[in-house]
Amino acid sequence: MSGVQSGGWSGPVGSARGQQRFRDGQVVREEQPRFEGWLPSTGRVEVRCAMTVSPRSMAALWLSGFEDDPAQERCGELCVVEVFGKDLGLDPTPGPSAEVGVGIKAFRDPALRQDFAAPRLPIDVAAFHTYAVDWDASEAVFTVDGAEVRRCAHPPTYPMQVMVAVFDFPDWSDGADDHLVPALIVDWIRG
């Protein structure tokens, strides 16, 4: 994985205090100092990017709760774009397409409802596209190149760090993609 995030922190080594805990039993291996960069809680976030992914890789931009209040599980996500190379393909009509994941991921936040989908869009993710979310307390609207893709009710409105990353999963290789290196080329991110 190679990524950048606009904020971060962790508890002490050996503790379970940290961000993006996606499974039980995770512990801090290297304490991270608190960094608060851009932590939007409502508004608009957009990225213009191109991706080179294969069946063994994926690329994404998402907003993740900063998780700095131990009394609250403010850990939900707004996924602005998530593309797995295994989900690239052709529509029934000729031309490239991709399943583009967007929506709310609740994780451990009891105030959120999981509302995530990956509709197939007639786009070539290797070309530049603009992926965006506009949100407030009532709803989040996800767009690709200005066209609405989904609406989700009651998104998180606590401070969220912006995260952008490309992932490689060697165990997912189909044998024909061992030489490929995934890439996420970001022209800009803004809000």
Protein backbone atom coordinates (compact mmCIF):
# COMPACT_ATOMS: atom_id res chain seq x y z
CA MET A 1 0.00 0.00 0.00
CA SER A 2 1.15 3.50 -0.75
CA GLY A 3 -0.93 6.35 0.55
CA VAL A 4 -1.23 9.83 1.99
CA GLN A 5 -3.59 11.06 4.69
CA SER A 6 -4.44 14.54 5.93
CA GLY A 7 -4.32 13.67 9.63
CA GLY A 8 -3.21 10.95 11.98
CA TRP A 9 -2.38 9.84 15.51
CA SER A 10 -2.07 6.72 17.61
CA GLY A 11 -1.99 5.65 21.23
CA PRO A 12 1.11 4.14 22.83
CA VAL A 13 2.81 0.98 21.55
CA GLY A 14 0.83 -2.10 22.55
CA SER A 15 -2.46 -0.24 22.92
CA ALA A 16 -5.52 -0.66 20.71
CA ARG A 17 -5.91 3.14 20.38
CA GLY A 18 -5.58 4.17 16.81
CA GLN A 19 -7.34 4.82 13.54
CA GLN A 20 -8.94 2.61 10.92
CA ARG A 21 -9.22 -0.47 13.14
CA PHE A 22 -10.69 -2.84 10.58
CA ARG A 23 -10.42 -6.05 12.63
CA ASP A 24 -10.28 -7.13 16.27
CA GLY A 25 -6.93 -7.60 17.94
CA GLN A 26 -5.02 -4.84 16.20
CA VAL A 27 -2.43 -3.08 18.35
CA VAL A 28 -0.14 -0.09 17.85
CA ARG A 29 3.36 -1.12 16.77
CA GLU A 30 4.78 2.38 16.34
CA GLU A 31 3.30 5.36 18.17
CA GLN A 32 2.40 8.26 15.88
CA PRO A 33 2.29 11.89 17.02
CA ARG A 34 -0.98 13.75 16.56
CA PHE A 35 -1.21 15.57 13.22
CA GLU A 36 -4.29 17.56 12.31
CA GLY A 37 -4.15 18.72 8.74
CA TRP A 38 -7.30 19.05 6.66
CA LEU A 39 -10.18 17.43 8.60
CA PRO A 40 -13.45 18.41 6.88
CA SER A 41 -16.75 17.57 8.57
CA THR A 42 -19.12 18.73 5.80
CA GLY A 43 -18.73 20.34 2.39
CA ARG A 44 -17.15 19.04 -0.78
CA VAL A 45 -14.09 16.91 -1.47
CA GLU A 46 -13.03 16.01 -4.98
CA VAL A 47 -10.12 14.32 -6.68
CA ARG A 48 -9.05 14.30 -10.32
CA CYS A 49 -7.10 11.12 -10.90
CA ALA A 50 -6.27 8.22 -13.20
CA MET A 51 -5.63 4.62 -12.14
CA THR A 52 -3.61 1.70 -13.43
CA VAL A 53 -4.97 -1.38 -11.65
CA SER A 54 -5.00 -5.11 -12.37
CA PRO A 55 -6.90 -8.02 -10.77
CA ARG A 56 -4.42 -7.87 -7.87
CA SER A 57 -4.76 -4.15 -7.01
CA MET A 58 -7.09 -1.29 -6.17
CA ALA A 59 -7.05 2.47 -5.70
CA ALA A 60 -9.23 4.76 -3.60
CA LEU A 61 -9.91 8.13 -2.01
CA TRP A 62 -12.00 8.14 1.16
CA LEU A 63 -12.69 10.25 4.23
CA SER A 64 -12.31 8.47 7.55
CA GLY A 65 -13.41 9.63 10.98
CA PHE A 66 -10.46 11.01 12.94
CA GLU A 67 -11.39 8.73 15.90
CA ASP A 68 -9.80 10.97 18.52
CA ASP A 69 -12.60 10.85 21.11
CA PRO A 70 -12.48 7.55 23.06
CA ALA A 71 -16.05 8.09 24.30
CA GLN A 72 -17.43 8.00 20.73
CA GLU A 73 -16.96 5.62 17.82
CA ARG A 74 -16.49 8.36 15.20
CA CYS A 75 -14.96 5.93 12.74
CA GLY A 76 -17.31 5.98 9.75
CA GLU A 77 -16.17 6.61 6.21
CA LEU A 78 -17.31 8.42 3.11
CA CYS A 79 -15.89 6.51 0.18
CA VAL A 80 -15.48 8.97 -2.72
CA VAL A 81 -14.01 6.41 -5.14
CA GLU A 82 -12.85 2.81 -4.75
CA VAL A 83 -11.87 0.76 -7.80
CA PHE A 84 -10.66 -2.84 -7.73
CA GLY A 85 -8.84 -4.01 -10.85
CA LYS A 86 -10.77 -7.29 -10.74
CA ASP A 87 -13.95 -5.26 -11.32
CA LEU A 88 -12.89 -3.67 -14.59
CA GLY A 89 -14.67 -5.03 -17.60
CA LEU A 90 -16.86 -4.52 -20.56
CA ASP A 91 -20.52 -3.57 -20.51
CA PRO A 92 -22.83 -5.48 -22.83
CA THR A 93 -22.07 -2.65 -25.25
CA PRO A 94 -18.48 -2.13 -26.41
CA GLY A 95 -16.20 0.07 -24.35
CA PRO A 96 -14.43 0.12 -21.02
CA SER A 97 -16.26 0.13 -17.70
CA ALA A 98 -15.56 -0.17 -14.01
CA GLU A 99 -17.42 -0.82 -10.80
CA VAL A 100 -16.87 2.42 -8.88
CA GLY A 101 -17.43 2.06 -5.14
CA VAL A 102 -19.04 5.03 -3.38
CA GLY A 103 -21.04 5.58 -0.22
CA ILE A 104 -21.03 5.32 3.56
CA LYS A 105 -19.13 2.63 5.44
CA ALA A 106 -20.37 2.51 9.04
CA PHE A 107 -17.64 0.31 10.57
CA ARG A 108 -18.15 0.52 14.36
CA ASP A 109 -20.17 3.77 14.40
CA PRO A 110 -23.62 2.87 15.77
CA ALA A 111 -25.04 6.19 14.52
CA LEU A 112 -24.39 5.29 10.86
CA ARG A 113 -26.08 2.90 8.47
CA GLN A 114 -23.94 1.00 5.97
CA ASP A 115 -24.87 2.41 2.55
CA PHE A 116 -22.17 1.46 0.07
CA ALA A 117 -22.44 0.23 -3.52
CA ALA A 118 -20.22 -0.12 -6.57
CA PRO A 119 -22.31 0.69 -9.64
CA ARG A 120 -20.79 -0.17 -13.01
CA LEU A 121 -19.99 3.01 -14.93
CA PRO A 122 -18.99 3.30 -18.60
CA ILE A 123 -15.59 4.88 -17.87
CA ASP A 124 -11.96 4.00 -18.41
CA VAL A 125 -10.33 4.57 -15.00
CA ALA A 126 -6.91 4.76 -16.71
CA ALA A 127 -8.04 8.16 -18.03
CA PHE A 128 -8.46 11.18 -15.77
CA HIS A 129 -11.86 11.59 -14.10
CA THR A 130 -13.16 13.78 -11.28
CA TYR A 131 -14.71 11.90 -8.35
CA ALA A 132 -16.47 13.96 -5.66
CA VAL A 133 -18.75 13.99 -2.64
CA ASP A 134 -20.87 16.89 -1.37
CA TRP A 135 -22.32 16.30 2.10
CA ASP A 136 -24.06 17.78 5.09
CA ALA A 137 -26.00 16.25 7.99
CA SER A 138 -28.90 15.19 5.76
CA GLU A 139 -27.19 13.53 2.80
CA ALA A 140 -24.07 12.83 0.78
CA VAL A 141 -24.15 13.14 -3.01
CA PHE A 142 -21.47 11.26 -4.95
CA THR A 143 -20.56 12.28 -8.50
CA VAL A 144 -18.20 11.23 -11.28
CA ASP A 145 -17.31 13.94 -13.80
CA GLY A 146 -20.20 16.01 -12.45
CA ALA A 147 -22.83 13.30 -12.99
CA GLU A 148 -24.63 12.03 -9.89
CA VAL A 149 -23.89 8.39 -9.08
CA ARG A 150 -25.54 7.92 -5.65
CA ARG A 151 -27.17 9.68 -2.72
CA CYS A 152 -26.83 8.43 0.85
CA ALA A 153 -28.81 9.71 3.83
CA HIS A 154 -27.33 10.78 7.16
CA PRO A 155 -23.57 10.73 6.49
CA PRO A 156 -21.03 11.35 9.25
CA THR A 157 -20.39 15.01 10.06
CA TYR A 158 -17.52 14.72 12.50
CA PRO A 159 -13.90 15.61 11.61
CA MET A 160 -12.66 13.27 8.88
CA GLN A 161 -9.19 12.81 7.47
CA VAL A 162 -8.80 12.59 3.71
CA MET A 163 -7.02 9.43 2.62
CA VAL A 164 -5.79 8.49 -0.84
CA ALA A 165 -4.00 5.22 -1.57
CA VAL A 166 -3.17 2.48 -4.03
CA PHE A 167 -3.03 -1.14 -2.86
CA ASP A 168 -1.31 -4.24 -4.26
CA PHE A 169 -2.47 -7.71 -3.16
CA PRO A 170 0.11 -10.19 -4.58
CA ASP A 171 -1.97 -13.20 -3.45
CA TRP A 172 -4.73 -12.06 -5.83
CA SER A 173 -2.49 -12.38 -8.89
CA ASP A 174 -3.98 -14.25 -11.83
CA GLY A 175 -0.45 -15.13 -13.03
CA ALA A 176 -0.56 -12.71 -15.95
CA ASP A 177 -0.16 -9.58 -13.83
CA ASP A 178 2.88 -10.38 -11.67
CA HIS A 179 4.94 -7.72 -13.47
CA LEU A 180 2.36 -4.94 -13.16
CA VAL A 181 2.80 -2.13 -10.66
CA PRO A 182 -0.46 -0.39 -9.70
CA ALA A 183 -0.58 3.38 -9.89
CA LEU A 184 -2.86 6.17 -8.76
CA ILE A 185 -1.96 9.38 -10.56
CA VAL A 186 -3.50 12.37 -8.73
CA ASP A 187 -3.82 15.64 -10.62
CA TRP A 188 -5.41 17.40 -7.63
CA ILE A 189 -7.48 16.99 -4.48
CA ARG A 190 -9.54 19.92 -3.26
CA GLY A 191 -12.46 20.93 -1.13
